[in-house]
Amino acid sequence: MFTGIVEATGIIRDVEDLRTTRRFRVEAPTLAAGLAAGDSVAVDGACLTVVEAAGDGFAVDVIGTTLERTVAGGYEGGARVNLERAMSLGDRLDGHLVQGHVDGVGHLMRCNMEGEFWLMDFRLPADVARLTVERGSIALNGVSLTVSALPAEDVCRVGVIPFTYRETNLGELAEGAPVNVEGDLIGKYVGKVLAGRER
């Protein structure tokens, strides 16, 4: 379980295609010392298992389902990724409950600076959009954000403060760029219950 509060960013330094998986090596000096093989780490919001941890980085293996369902399939050397270690029981929950189970890929539609902050509109996968509410929570590339508006049926707007814009990879996104999207956990369960009642 994660909180959507990004601890650090890392750089994809190596992409290796194995027989049935793809291995990514991530340079992350500020996090690597606290990681060991078997630990869970959210990479752009996708929960992955550390298979090697040494020096200033770590490696993760990614299987086909994750490569297809997340932005990981497009990672290349030099890409900057958001990182968060799994939370410990009893930790302060500063963001919201994030499972690291990406629901799908969304896309940045527009980014406008409003004074000192940015308003960013993202097109969401249909199943996430259906459960997204104003002032609710959403995780984009692993960043916990509050939905400030819903300009269209499948679009959410979030406000991003300068710290988040600078310290995560959200500030590097160009229009049309893909992002990992995880919808609100509570919304998913409520939606499942309501769908069952409609049958």
N, C-alpha and C. Protein backbone atom coordinates (compact mmCIF):
# COMPACT_ATOMS: atom_id res chain seq x y z
N MET A 1 0.84 -1.18 0.00
CA MET A 1 0.00 0.00 0.00
C MET A 1 0.88 1.24 0.00
N PHE A 2 0.43 2.27 -0.70
CA PHE A 2 1.18 3.51 -0.84
C PHE A 2 0.28 4.70 -0.49
N THR A 3 0.88 5.89 -0.52
CA THR A 3 0.12 7.08 -0.17
C THR A 3 0.00 8.08 -1.31
N GLY A 4 0.79 7.89 -2.37
CA GLY A 4 0.78 8.85 -3.46
C GLY A 4 1.63 10.07 -3.18
N ILE A 5 2.43 10.02 -2.10
CA ILE A 5 3.39 11.09 -1.82
C ILE A 5 4.76 10.63 -2.33
N VAL A 6 5.18 11.16 -3.45
CA VAL A 6 6.42 10.73 -4.10
C VAL A 6 7.61 11.07 -3.21
N GLU A 7 8.44 10.08 -2.95
CA GLU A 7 9.62 10.29 -2.10
C GLU A 7 10.81 10.83 -2.88
N ALA A 8 10.92 10.41 -4.11
CA ALA A 8 12.07 10.80 -4.94
C ALA A 8 11.75 10.47 -6.38
N THR A 9 12.56 10.98 -7.28
CA THR A 9 12.49 10.53 -8.66
C THR A 9 13.77 9.77 -8.97
N GLY A 10 13.66 8.87 -9.92
CA GLY A 10 14.82 8.10 -10.36
C GLY A 10 14.94 8.19 -11.87
N ILE A 11 16.02 7.66 -12.39
CA ILE A 11 16.27 7.68 -13.83
C ILE A 11 16.42 6.24 -14.32
N ILE A 12 15.66 5.89 -15.35
CA ILE A 12 15.82 4.57 -15.98
C ILE A 12 17.19 4.56 -16.67
N ARG A 13 18.07 3.66 -16.22
CA ARG A 13 19.43 3.62 -16.77
C ARG A 13 19.65 2.45 -17.72
N ASP A 14 18.82 1.43 -17.62
CA ASP A 14 19.05 0.26 -18.46
C ASP A 14 17.73 -0.47 -18.65
N VAL A 15 17.47 -0.90 -19.86
CA VAL A 15 16.28 -1.69 -20.17
C VAL A 15 16.77 -2.98 -20.82
N GLU A 16 16.43 -4.10 -20.20
CA GLU A 16 16.91 -5.40 -20.68
C GLU A 16 15.73 -6.32 -20.94
N ASP A 17 15.61 -6.78 -22.16
CA ASP A 17 14.55 -7.74 -22.49
C ASP A 17 15.02 -9.14 -22.16
N LEU A 18 14.32 -9.78 -21.22
CA LEU A 18 14.60 -11.16 -20.86
C LEU A 18 13.64 -12.05 -21.64
N ARG A 19 13.60 -13.34 -21.31
CA ARG A 19 12.79 -14.27 -22.11
C ARG A 19 11.30 -13.94 -22.01
N THR A 20 10.81 -13.69 -20.81
CA THR A 20 9.37 -13.43 -20.65
C THR A 20 9.07 -12.14 -19.90
N THR A 21 10.11 -11.41 -19.52
CA THR A 21 9.92 -10.15 -18.78
C THR A 21 10.86 -9.09 -19.34
N ARG A 22 10.69 -7.89 -18.84
CA ARG A 22 11.62 -6.81 -19.17
C ARG A 22 12.17 -6.27 -17.86
N ARG A 23 13.48 -6.14 -17.76
CA ARG A 23 14.12 -5.66 -16.54
C ARG A 23 14.53 -4.20 -16.72
N PHE A 24 14.12 -3.39 -15.74
CA PHE A 24 14.50 -1.99 -15.71
C PHE A 24 15.44 -1.76 -14.54
N ARG A 25 16.54 -1.09 -14.80
CA ARG A 25 17.43 -0.68 -13.72
C ARG A 25 17.24 0.83 -13.52
N VAL A 26 16.98 1.18 -12.26
CA VAL A 26 16.64 2.56 -11.92
C VAL A 26 17.72 3.16 -11.03
N GLU A 27 18.25 4.29 -11.45
CA GLU A 27 19.21 5.01 -10.61
C GLU A 27 18.42 5.90 -9.65
N ALA A 28 18.60 5.65 -8.35
CA ALA A 28 17.85 6.40 -7.34
C ALA A 28 18.66 6.44 -6.05
N PRO A 29 19.70 7.26 -6.00
CA PRO A 29 20.61 7.26 -4.85
C PRO A 29 19.94 7.50 -3.52
N THR A 30 18.93 8.37 -3.48
CA THR A 30 18.31 8.71 -2.20
C THR A 30 17.41 7.60 -1.66
N LEU A 31 17.01 6.66 -2.52
CA LEU A 31 16.13 5.57 -2.09
C LEU A 31 16.84 4.22 -2.01
N ALA A 32 17.85 4.04 -2.83
CA ALA A 32 18.46 2.72 -3.00
C ALA A 32 18.97 2.12 -1.70
N ALA A 33 19.55 2.94 -0.84
CA ALA A 33 20.13 2.42 0.40
C ALA A 33 19.07 1.81 1.31
N GLY A 34 17.82 2.24 1.17
CA GLY A 34 16.75 1.72 2.01
C GLY A 34 15.97 0.59 1.38
N LEU A 35 16.43 0.07 0.25
CA LEU A 35 15.72 -0.99 -0.46
C LEU A 35 16.50 -2.30 -0.42
N ALA A 36 15.76 -3.40 -0.44
CA ALA A 36 16.37 -4.72 -0.51
C ALA A 36 15.55 -5.56 -1.48
N ALA A 37 16.15 -6.61 -2.01
CA ALA A 37 15.43 -7.51 -2.90
C ALA A 37 14.17 -8.01 -2.19
N GLY A 38 13.06 -7.97 -2.91
CA GLY A 38 11.78 -8.39 -2.35
C GLY A 38 10.91 -7.24 -1.90
N ASP A 39 11.49 -6.06 -1.74
CA ASP A 39 10.70 -4.89 -1.33
C ASP A 39 9.77 -4.45 -2.46
N SER A 40 8.69 -3.80 -2.08
CA SER A 40 7.78 -3.21 -3.06
C SER A 40 8.09 -1.73 -3.21
N VAL A 41 8.08 -1.26 -4.44
CA VAL A 41 8.28 0.16 -4.71
C VAL A 41 7.33 0.56 -5.84
N ALA A 42 6.70 1.72 -5.69
CA ALA A 42 5.83 2.23 -6.75
C ALA A 42 6.68 3.02 -7.72
N VAL A 43 6.66 2.60 -8.97
CA VAL A 43 7.38 3.29 -10.05
C VAL A 43 6.33 3.93 -10.94
N ASP A 44 6.24 5.25 -10.90
CA ASP A 44 5.15 5.97 -11.56
C ASP A 44 3.80 5.41 -11.14
N GLY A 45 3.70 4.99 -9.87
CA GLY A 45 2.44 4.53 -9.33
C GLY A 45 2.16 3.06 -9.50
N ALA A 46 3.00 2.33 -10.22
CA ALA A 46 2.80 0.89 -10.41
C ALA A 46 3.64 0.13 -9.39
N CYS A 47 2.98 -0.71 -8.59
CA CYS A 47 3.69 -1.47 -7.56
C CYS A 47 4.53 -2.56 -8.22
N LEU A 48 5.85 -2.47 -8.01
CA LEU A 48 6.79 -3.43 -8.58
C LEU A 48 7.68 -4.00 -7.48
N THR A 49 8.23 -5.18 -7.72
CA THR A 49 9.09 -5.85 -6.74
C THR A 49 10.55 -5.63 -7.09
N VAL A 50 11.32 -5.20 -6.12
CA VAL A 50 12.76 -5.03 -6.31
C VAL A 50 13.40 -6.41 -6.43
N VAL A 51 14.12 -6.66 -7.53
CA VAL A 51 14.80 -7.95 -7.71
C VAL A 51 16.30 -7.83 -7.44
N GLU A 52 16.82 -6.61 -7.52
CA GLU A 52 18.22 -6.36 -7.17
C GLU A 52 18.29 -4.96 -6.57
N ALA A 53 19.09 -4.81 -5.53
CA ALA A 53 19.33 -3.49 -4.96
C ALA A 53 20.81 -3.39 -4.61
N ALA A 54 21.48 -2.46 -5.22
CA ALA A 54 22.92 -2.32 -4.98
C ALA A 54 23.36 -0.92 -5.37
N GLY A 55 24.31 -0.40 -4.62
CA GLY A 55 24.89 0.90 -4.95
C GLY A 55 23.85 2.00 -4.94
N ASP A 56 23.74 2.69 -6.05
CA ASP A 56 22.84 3.84 -6.11
C ASP A 56 21.55 3.55 -6.87
N GLY A 57 21.21 2.25 -7.02
CA GLY A 57 20.01 1.94 -7.76
C GLY A 57 19.41 0.59 -7.43
N PHE A 58 18.42 0.22 -8.20
CA PHE A 58 17.74 -1.06 -8.01
C PHE A 58 17.17 -1.51 -9.35
N ALA A 59 16.79 -2.77 -9.41
CA ALA A 59 16.21 -3.32 -10.64
C ALA A 59 14.85 -3.94 -10.34
N VAL A 60 13.96 -3.86 -11.32
CA VAL A 60 12.64 -4.49 -11.22
C VAL A 60 12.38 -5.25 -12.51
N ASP A 61 11.65 -6.35 -12.41
CA ASP A 61 11.20 -7.11 -13.58
C ASP A 61 9.74 -6.81 -13.81
N VAL A 62 9.39 -6.54 -15.06
CA VAL A 62 8.01 -6.18 -15.40
C VAL A 62 7.49 -7.19 -16.43
N ILE A 63 6.30 -7.75 -16.12
CA ILE A 63 5.72 -8.76 -17.01
C ILE A 63 4.78 -8.12 -18.03
N GLY A 64 4.33 -8.94 -18.97
CA GLY A 64 3.53 -8.45 -20.09
C GLY A 64 2.30 -7.66 -19.72
N THR A 65 1.53 -8.12 -18.72
CA THR A 65 0.31 -7.43 -18.33
C THR A 65 0.61 -6.00 -17.90
N THR A 66 1.64 -5.84 -17.09
CA THR A 66 2.00 -4.50 -16.61
C THR A 66 2.54 -3.65 -17.75
N LEU A 67 3.31 -4.24 -18.64
CA LEU A 67 3.84 -3.49 -19.78
C LEU A 67 2.72 -2.98 -20.66
N GLU A 68 1.64 -3.76 -20.77
CA GLU A 68 0.52 -3.38 -21.63
C GLU A 68 -0.41 -2.38 -20.95
N ARG A 69 -0.55 -2.48 -19.63
CA ARG A 69 -1.56 -1.70 -18.90
C ARG A 69 -1.03 -0.38 -18.34
N THR A 70 0.30 -0.19 -18.36
CA THR A 70 0.91 1.00 -17.78
C THR A 70 1.83 1.68 -18.78
N VAL A 71 2.44 2.78 -18.34
CA VAL A 71 3.38 3.49 -19.20
C VAL A 71 4.74 2.80 -19.26
N ALA A 72 4.93 1.75 -18.45
CA ALA A 72 6.23 1.07 -18.39
C ALA A 72 6.68 0.52 -19.74
N GLY A 73 5.73 0.14 -20.58
CA GLY A 73 6.08 -0.39 -21.89
C GLY A 73 6.83 0.60 -22.77
N GLY A 74 6.73 1.89 -22.43
CA GLY A 74 7.39 2.92 -23.23
C GLY A 74 8.66 3.47 -22.59
N TYR A 75 9.06 2.90 -21.44
CA TYR A 75 10.27 3.41 -20.79
C TYR A 75 11.51 3.19 -21.65
N GLU A 76 12.32 4.22 -21.71
CA GLU A 76 13.62 4.14 -22.36
C GLU A 76 14.67 4.71 -21.42
N GLY A 77 15.92 4.42 -21.69
CA GLY A 77 16.99 4.95 -20.87
C GLY A 77 16.93 6.46 -20.79
N GLY A 78 17.08 6.99 -19.58
CA GLY A 78 17.03 8.44 -19.38
C GLY A 78 15.70 8.95 -18.90
N ALA A 79 14.66 8.10 -18.94
CA ALA A 79 13.33 8.54 -18.49
C ALA A 79 13.35 8.77 -16.98
N ARG A 80 12.69 9.83 -16.55
CA ARG A 80 12.57 10.15 -15.13
C ARG A 80 11.27 9.56 -14.59
N VAL A 81 11.35 8.83 -13.47
CA VAL A 81 10.18 8.15 -12.92
C VAL A 81 9.97 8.56 -11.46
N ASN A 82 8.71 8.60 -11.05
CA ASN A 82 8.35 8.90 -9.67
C ASN A 82 8.46 7.64 -8.84
N LEU A 83 8.99 7.76 -7.61
CA LEU A 83 9.24 6.60 -6.77
C LEU A 83 8.66 6.79 -5.37
N GLU A 84 8.09 5.71 -4.84
CA GLU A 84 7.61 5.70 -3.46
C GLU A 84 7.74 4.30 -2.90
N ARG A 85 8.37 4.17 -1.74
CA ARG A 85 8.43 2.87 -1.07
C ARG A 85 7.08 2.57 -0.42
N ALA A 86 6.80 1.28 -0.24
CA ALA A 86 5.55 0.89 0.42
C ALA A 86 5.53 1.46 1.82
N MET A 87 4.33 1.88 2.26
CA MET A 87 4.22 2.46 3.59
C MET A 87 4.25 1.37 4.66
N SER A 88 4.70 1.75 5.85
CA SER A 88 4.68 0.84 6.99
C SER A 88 3.39 1.05 7.77
N LEU A 89 2.88 -0.01 8.39
CA LEU A 89 1.69 0.11 9.21
C LEU A 89 1.95 1.10 10.33
N GLY A 90 1.11 2.08 10.47
CA GLY A 90 1.30 3.10 11.49
C GLY A 90 1.90 4.38 10.95
N ASP A 91 2.34 4.39 9.65
CA ASP A 91 2.86 5.61 9.05
C ASP A 91 1.76 6.65 8.92
N ARG A 92 2.15 7.92 8.90
CA ARG A 92 1.20 8.98 8.63
C ARG A 92 0.76 8.87 7.17
N LEU A 93 -0.54 9.00 6.94
CA LEU A 93 -1.10 8.91 5.58
C LEU A 93 -1.31 10.33 5.07
N ASP A 94 -0.30 10.87 4.36
CA ASP A 94 -0.37 12.25 3.91
C ASP A 94 -1.16 12.42 2.62
N GLY A 95 -1.21 11.41 1.78
CA GLY A 95 -1.94 11.51 0.52
C GLY A 95 -3.29 10.84 0.62
N HIS A 96 -3.45 9.72 -0.08
CA HIS A 96 -4.64 8.89 0.08
C HIS A 96 -4.23 7.44 -0.14
N LEU A 97 -5.13 6.51 0.14
CA LEU A 97 -4.80 5.10 -0.01
C LEU A 97 -4.62 4.75 -1.48
N VAL A 98 -3.40 4.34 -1.83
CA VAL A 98 -3.05 3.99 -3.21
C VAL A 98 -2.51 2.57 -3.19
N GLN A 99 -3.09 1.71 -4.01
CA GLN A 99 -2.68 0.30 -4.02
C GLN A 99 -1.46 0.04 -4.89
N GLY A 100 -1.22 0.90 -5.86
CA GLY A 100 -0.17 0.61 -6.82
C GLY A 100 -0.65 -0.31 -7.93
N HIS A 101 -1.98 -0.48 -8.00
CA HIS A 101 -2.60 -1.30 -9.06
C HIS A 101 -3.18 -0.35 -10.10
N VAL A 102 -2.40 -0.08 -11.12
CA VAL A 102 -2.78 0.90 -12.13
C VAL A 102 -4.01 0.42 -12.90
N ASP A 103 -4.99 1.31 -13.03
CA ASP A 103 -6.24 0.97 -13.73
C ASP A 103 -6.13 1.12 -15.24
N GLY A 104 -5.21 1.95 -15.67
CA GLY A 104 -5.07 2.17 -17.10
C GLY A 104 -4.22 3.40 -17.36
N VAL A 105 -4.14 3.77 -18.61
CA VAL A 105 -3.32 4.91 -19.03
C VAL A 105 -4.21 6.07 -19.45
N GLY A 106 -3.92 7.24 -18.89
CA GLY A 106 -4.59 8.47 -19.31
C GLY A 106 -3.62 9.33 -20.10
N HIS A 107 -4.09 10.49 -20.54
CA HIS A 107 -3.23 11.37 -21.35
C HIS A 107 -3.44 12.82 -20.95
N LEU A 108 -2.32 13.56 -20.90
CA LEU A 108 -2.40 14.99 -20.61
C LEU A 108 -3.00 15.71 -21.81
N MET A 109 -4.07 16.45 -21.56
CA MET A 109 -4.72 17.20 -22.64
C MET A 109 -4.21 18.64 -22.72
N ARG A 110 -4.06 19.26 -21.54
CA ARG A 110 -3.55 20.63 -21.51
C ARG A 110 -2.98 20.94 -20.15
N CYS A 111 -2.06 21.88 -20.14
CA CYS A 111 -1.42 22.33 -18.90
C CYS A 111 -1.28 23.84 -18.98
N ASN A 112 -1.96 24.56 -18.09
CA ASN A 112 -1.92 26.01 -18.09
C ASN A 112 -1.44 26.52 -16.74
N MET A 113 -0.54 27.48 -16.75
CA MET A 113 -0.07 28.10 -15.52
C MET A 113 -1.09 29.14 -15.07
N GLU A 114 -1.45 29.05 -13.80
CA GLU A 114 -2.40 29.99 -13.20
C GLU A 114 -1.71 30.65 -12.02
N GLY A 115 -1.09 31.79 -12.26
CA GLY A 115 -0.33 32.42 -11.18
C GLY A 115 0.89 31.59 -10.86
N GLU A 116 0.92 31.04 -9.62
CA GLU A 116 2.08 30.24 -9.20
C GLU A 116 1.88 28.74 -9.36
N PHE A 117 0.71 28.29 -9.80
CA PHE A 117 0.48 26.85 -9.92
C PHE A 117 -0.01 26.52 -11.32
N TRP A 118 -0.18 25.22 -11.56
CA TRP A 118 -0.58 24.74 -12.88
C TRP A 118 -1.92 24.01 -12.78
N LEU A 119 -2.77 24.23 -13.77
CA LEU A 119 -3.98 23.44 -13.94
C LEU A 119 -3.73 22.46 -15.07
N MET A 120 -3.92 21.17 -14.78
CA MET A 120 -3.65 20.13 -15.75
C MET A 120 -4.90 19.31 -15.99
N ASP A 121 -5.29 19.15 -17.25
CA ASP A 121 -6.44 18.33 -17.62
C ASP A 121 -5.95 17.01 -18.19
N PHE A 122 -6.51 15.91 -17.69
CA PHE A 122 -6.14 14.58 -18.14
C PHE A 122 -7.38 13.83 -18.64
N ARG A 123 -7.24 13.20 -19.80
CA ARG A 123 -8.29 12.29 -20.27
C ARG A 123 -8.08 10.95 -19.58
N LEU A 124 -9.15 10.43 -18.97
CA LEU A 124 -9.07 9.22 -18.17
C LEU A 124 -9.63 8.01 -18.89
N PRO A 125 -9.18 6.82 -18.53
CA PRO A 125 -9.85 5.61 -19.02
C PRO A 125 -11.31 5.64 -18.57
N ALA A 126 -12.20 5.10 -19.39
CA ALA A 126 -13.64 5.21 -19.13
C ALA A 126 -14.04 4.65 -17.77
N ASP A 127 -13.46 3.50 -17.36
CA ASP A 127 -13.88 2.91 -16.09
C ASP A 127 -13.43 3.74 -14.90
N VAL A 128 -12.34 4.50 -15.03
CA VAL A 128 -11.91 5.39 -13.96
C VAL A 128 -12.76 6.66 -13.96
N ALA A 129 -13.00 7.21 -15.13
CA ALA A 129 -13.79 8.44 -15.24
C ALA A 129 -15.17 8.27 -14.61
N ARG A 130 -15.75 7.10 -14.77
CA ARG A 130 -17.09 6.83 -14.26
C ARG A 130 -17.15 6.95 -12.74
N LEU A 131 -16.04 6.68 -12.05
CA LEU A 131 -16.01 6.68 -10.59
C LEU A 131 -15.32 7.90 -9.99
N THR A 132 -14.92 8.85 -10.84
CA THR A 132 -14.18 10.01 -10.38
C THR A 132 -15.13 11.15 -10.04
N VAL A 133 -14.93 11.76 -8.88
CA VAL A 133 -15.81 12.84 -8.42
C VAL A 133 -14.99 14.08 -8.08
N GLU A 134 -15.63 15.23 -8.18
CA GLU A 134 -14.98 16.48 -7.78
C GLU A 134 -14.58 16.40 -6.32
N ARG A 135 -13.39 16.92 -6.02
CA ARG A 135 -12.81 16.93 -4.68
C ARG A 135 -12.49 15.52 -4.18
N GLY A 136 -12.57 14.56 -5.08
CA GLY A 136 -12.14 13.20 -4.76
C GLY A 136 -10.65 13.07 -5.04
N SER A 137 -10.12 11.89 -4.82
CA SER A 137 -8.69 11.64 -5.01
C SER A 137 -8.43 10.83 -6.28
N ILE A 138 -7.26 11.07 -6.86
CA ILE A 138 -6.82 10.29 -8.01
C ILE A 138 -5.30 10.25 -7.97
N ALA A 139 -4.71 9.15 -8.45
CA ALA A 139 -3.25 9.05 -8.52
C ALA A 139 -2.85 9.08 -9.99
N LEU A 140 -1.98 10.02 -10.35
CA LEU A 140 -1.48 10.17 -11.71
C LEU A 140 0.03 10.03 -11.67
N ASN A 141 0.55 9.01 -12.34
CA ASN A 141 1.98 8.66 -12.26
C ASN A 141 2.41 8.51 -10.80
N GLY A 142 1.48 8.00 -9.99
CA GLY A 142 1.80 7.75 -8.59
C GLY A 142 1.68 8.95 -7.68
N VAL A 143 1.25 10.08 -8.19
CA VAL A 143 1.11 11.30 -7.40
C VAL A 143 -0.33 11.44 -6.92
N SER A 144 -0.52 11.55 -5.61
CA SER A 144 -1.85 11.75 -5.05
C SER A 144 -2.30 13.18 -5.32
N LEU A 145 -3.43 13.31 -6.01
CA LEU A 145 -3.96 14.63 -6.37
C LEU A 145 -5.45 14.69 -6.08
N THR A 146 -5.93 15.92 -5.89
CA THR A 146 -7.35 16.16 -5.67
C THR A 146 -7.98 16.61 -6.97
N VAL A 147 -9.09 16.02 -7.32
CA VAL A 147 -9.81 16.40 -8.54
C VAL A 147 -10.49 17.74 -8.28
N SER A 148 -10.08 18.77 -9.01
CA SER A 148 -10.66 20.10 -8.79
C SER A 148 -11.87 20.35 -9.67
N ALA A 149 -11.96 19.67 -10.79
CA ALA A 149 -13.10 19.85 -11.69
C ALA A 149 -13.17 18.68 -12.65
N LEU A 150 -14.36 18.52 -13.25
CA LEU A 150 -14.58 17.49 -14.27
C LEU A 150 -15.13 18.20 -15.51
N PRO A 151 -14.23 18.76 -16.35
CA PRO A 151 -14.67 19.55 -17.50
C PRO A 151 -15.45 18.77 -18.55
N ALA A 152 -15.25 17.47 -18.60
CA ALA A 152 -15.97 16.61 -19.55
C ALA A 152 -16.16 15.25 -18.89
N GLU A 153 -16.96 14.41 -19.52
CA GLU A 153 -17.30 13.11 -18.94
C GLU A 153 -16.08 12.26 -18.63
N ASP A 154 -15.05 12.36 -19.46
CA ASP A 154 -13.86 11.53 -19.28
C ASP A 154 -12.61 12.34 -18.99
N VAL A 155 -12.78 13.56 -18.49
CA VAL A 155 -11.65 14.45 -18.23
C VAL A 155 -11.68 14.92 -16.78
N CYS A 156 -10.52 14.87 -16.13
CA CYS A 156 -10.41 15.45 -14.80
C CYS A 156 -9.36 16.55 -14.81
N ARG A 157 -9.59 17.56 -13.98
CA ARG A 157 -8.67 18.67 -13.84
C ARG A 157 -8.07 18.64 -12.44
N VAL A 158 -6.76 18.81 -12.37
CA VAL A 158 -6.08 18.86 -11.08
C VAL A 158 -5.22 20.11 -11.02
N GLY A 159 -5.05 20.64 -9.82
CA GLY A 159 -4.14 21.75 -9.60
C GLY A 159 -2.83 21.22 -9.05
N VAL A 160 -1.73 21.67 -9.61
CA VAL A 160 -0.41 21.17 -9.20
C VAL A 160 0.43 22.33 -8.69
N ILE A 161 0.85 22.24 -7.42
CA ILE A 161 1.65 23.30 -6.82
C ILE A 161 3.09 23.23 -7.35
N PRO A 162 3.83 24.34 -7.22
CA PRO A 162 5.21 24.35 -7.76
C PRO A 162 6.08 23.22 -7.23
N PHE A 163 5.99 22.88 -5.95
CA PHE A 163 6.82 21.82 -5.39
C PHE A 163 6.58 20.51 -6.12
N THR A 164 5.32 20.13 -6.28
CA THR A 164 4.98 18.88 -6.95
C THR A 164 5.37 18.91 -8.42
N TYR A 165 5.15 20.04 -9.07
CA TYR A 165 5.50 20.20 -10.48
C TYR A 165 7.00 20.01 -10.69
N ARG A 166 7.79 20.49 -9.73
CA ARG A 166 9.25 20.44 -9.84
C ARG A 166 9.83 19.10 -9.38
N GLU A 167 9.26 18.54 -8.31
CA GLU A 167 9.86 17.37 -7.66
C GLU A 167 9.35 16.03 -8.19
N THR A 168 8.40 16.05 -9.11
CA THR A 168 7.91 14.82 -9.75
C THR A 168 8.07 14.97 -11.26
N ASN A 169 7.70 13.94 -12.00
CA ASN A 169 7.83 14.05 -13.46
C ASN A 169 6.61 14.69 -14.12
N LEU A 170 5.63 15.14 -13.33
CA LEU A 170 4.46 15.79 -13.92
C LEU A 170 4.86 17.06 -14.68
N GLY A 171 5.88 17.76 -14.18
CA GLY A 171 6.31 18.99 -14.83
C GLY A 171 7.01 18.78 -16.15
N GLU A 172 7.33 17.53 -16.49
CA GLU A 172 8.02 17.23 -17.74
C GLU A 172 7.07 16.73 -18.83
N LEU A 173 5.79 16.59 -18.48
CA LEU A 173 4.85 16.01 -19.44
C LEU A 173 4.52 17.00 -20.55
N ALA A 174 4.56 16.53 -21.77
CA ALA A 174 4.12 17.32 -22.92
C ALA A 174 2.66 16.96 -23.21
N GLU A 175 2.00 17.83 -23.92
CA GLU A 175 0.60 17.56 -24.29
C GLU A 175 0.51 16.23 -25.03
N GLY A 176 -0.42 15.39 -24.61
CA GLY A 176 -0.59 14.07 -25.21
C GLY A 176 0.18 12.98 -24.50
N ALA A 177 1.04 13.35 -23.55
CA ALA A 177 1.87 12.36 -22.85
C ALA A 177 1.00 11.40 -22.04
N PRO A 178 1.37 10.11 -22.02
CA PRO A 178 0.62 9.13 -21.24
C PRO A 178 1.02 9.17 -19.77
N VAL A 179 0.06 8.84 -18.91
CA VAL A 179 0.32 8.73 -17.47
C VAL A 179 -0.41 7.51 -16.91
N ASN A 180 0.17 6.91 -15.88
CA ASN A 180 -0.53 5.85 -15.16
C ASN A 180 -1.65 6.47 -14.34
N VAL A 181 -2.80 5.82 -14.36
CA VAL A 181 -3.96 6.32 -13.61
C VAL A 181 -4.45 5.23 -12.66
N GLU A 182 -4.59 5.59 -11.40
CA GLU A 182 -5.27 4.72 -10.44
C GLU A 182 -6.41 5.50 -9.82
N GLY A 183 -7.62 4.99 -10.02
CA GLY A 183 -8.80 5.65 -9.47
C GLY A 183 -8.89 5.47 -7.97
N ASP A 184 -9.81 6.21 -7.37
CA ASP A 184 -9.99 6.19 -5.93
C ASP A 184 -10.47 4.81 -5.46
N LEU A 185 -9.79 4.26 -4.46
CA LEU A 185 -10.09 2.92 -3.96
C LEU A 185 -11.52 2.80 -3.46
N ILE A 186 -11.97 3.78 -2.71
CA ILE A 186 -13.34 3.73 -2.17
C ILE A 186 -14.35 3.78 -3.31
N GLY A 187 -14.08 4.63 -4.31
CA GLY A 187 -14.98 4.73 -5.45
C GLY A 187 -15.13 3.41 -6.18
N LYS A 188 -14.06 2.62 -6.26
CA LYS A 188 -14.12 1.33 -6.94
C LYS A 188 -15.08 0.38 -6.23
N TYR A 189 -14.98 0.33 -4.91
CA TYR A 189 -15.85 -0.58 -4.16
C TYR A 189 -17.30 -0.12 -4.19
N VAL A 190 -17.52 1.18 -4.07
CA VAL A 190 -18.89 1.71 -4.16
C VAL A 190 -19.47 1.40 -5.53
N GLY A 191 -18.66 1.61 -6.58
CA GLY A 191 -19.12 1.32 -7.94
C GLY A 191 -19.47 -0.14 -8.13
N LYS A 192 -18.69 -1.04 -7.55
CA LYS A 192 -18.96 -2.49 -7.65
C LYS A 192 -20.26 -2.84 -6.98
N VAL A 193 -20.50 -2.27 -5.80
CA VAL A 193 -21.74 -2.56 -5.06
C VAL A 193 -22.94 -2.05 -5.85
N LEU A 194 -22.85 -0.82 -6.35
CA LEU A 194 -23.98 -0.26 -7.10
C LEU A 194 -24.25 -1.02 -8.38
N ALA A 195 -23.17 -1.47 -9.05
CA ALA A 195 -23.34 -2.24 -10.29
C ALA A 195 -24.08 -3.53 -9.99
N GLY A 196 -23.79 -4.16 -8.85
CA GLY A 196 -24.46 -5.40 -8.47
C GLY A 196 -25.94 -5.20 -8.23
N ARG A 197 -26.31 -4.05 -7.70
CA ARG A 197 -27.72 -3.75 -7.42
C ARG A 197 -28.52 -3.52 -8.68
N GLU A 198 -27.83 -3.10 -9.74
CA GLU A 198 -28.54 -2.81 -11.00
C GLU A 198 -28.89 -4.06 -11.77
N ARG A 199 -28.30 -5.19 -11.40
CA ARG A 199 -28.56 -6.43 -12.15
C ARG A 199 -29.92 -7.00 -11.83
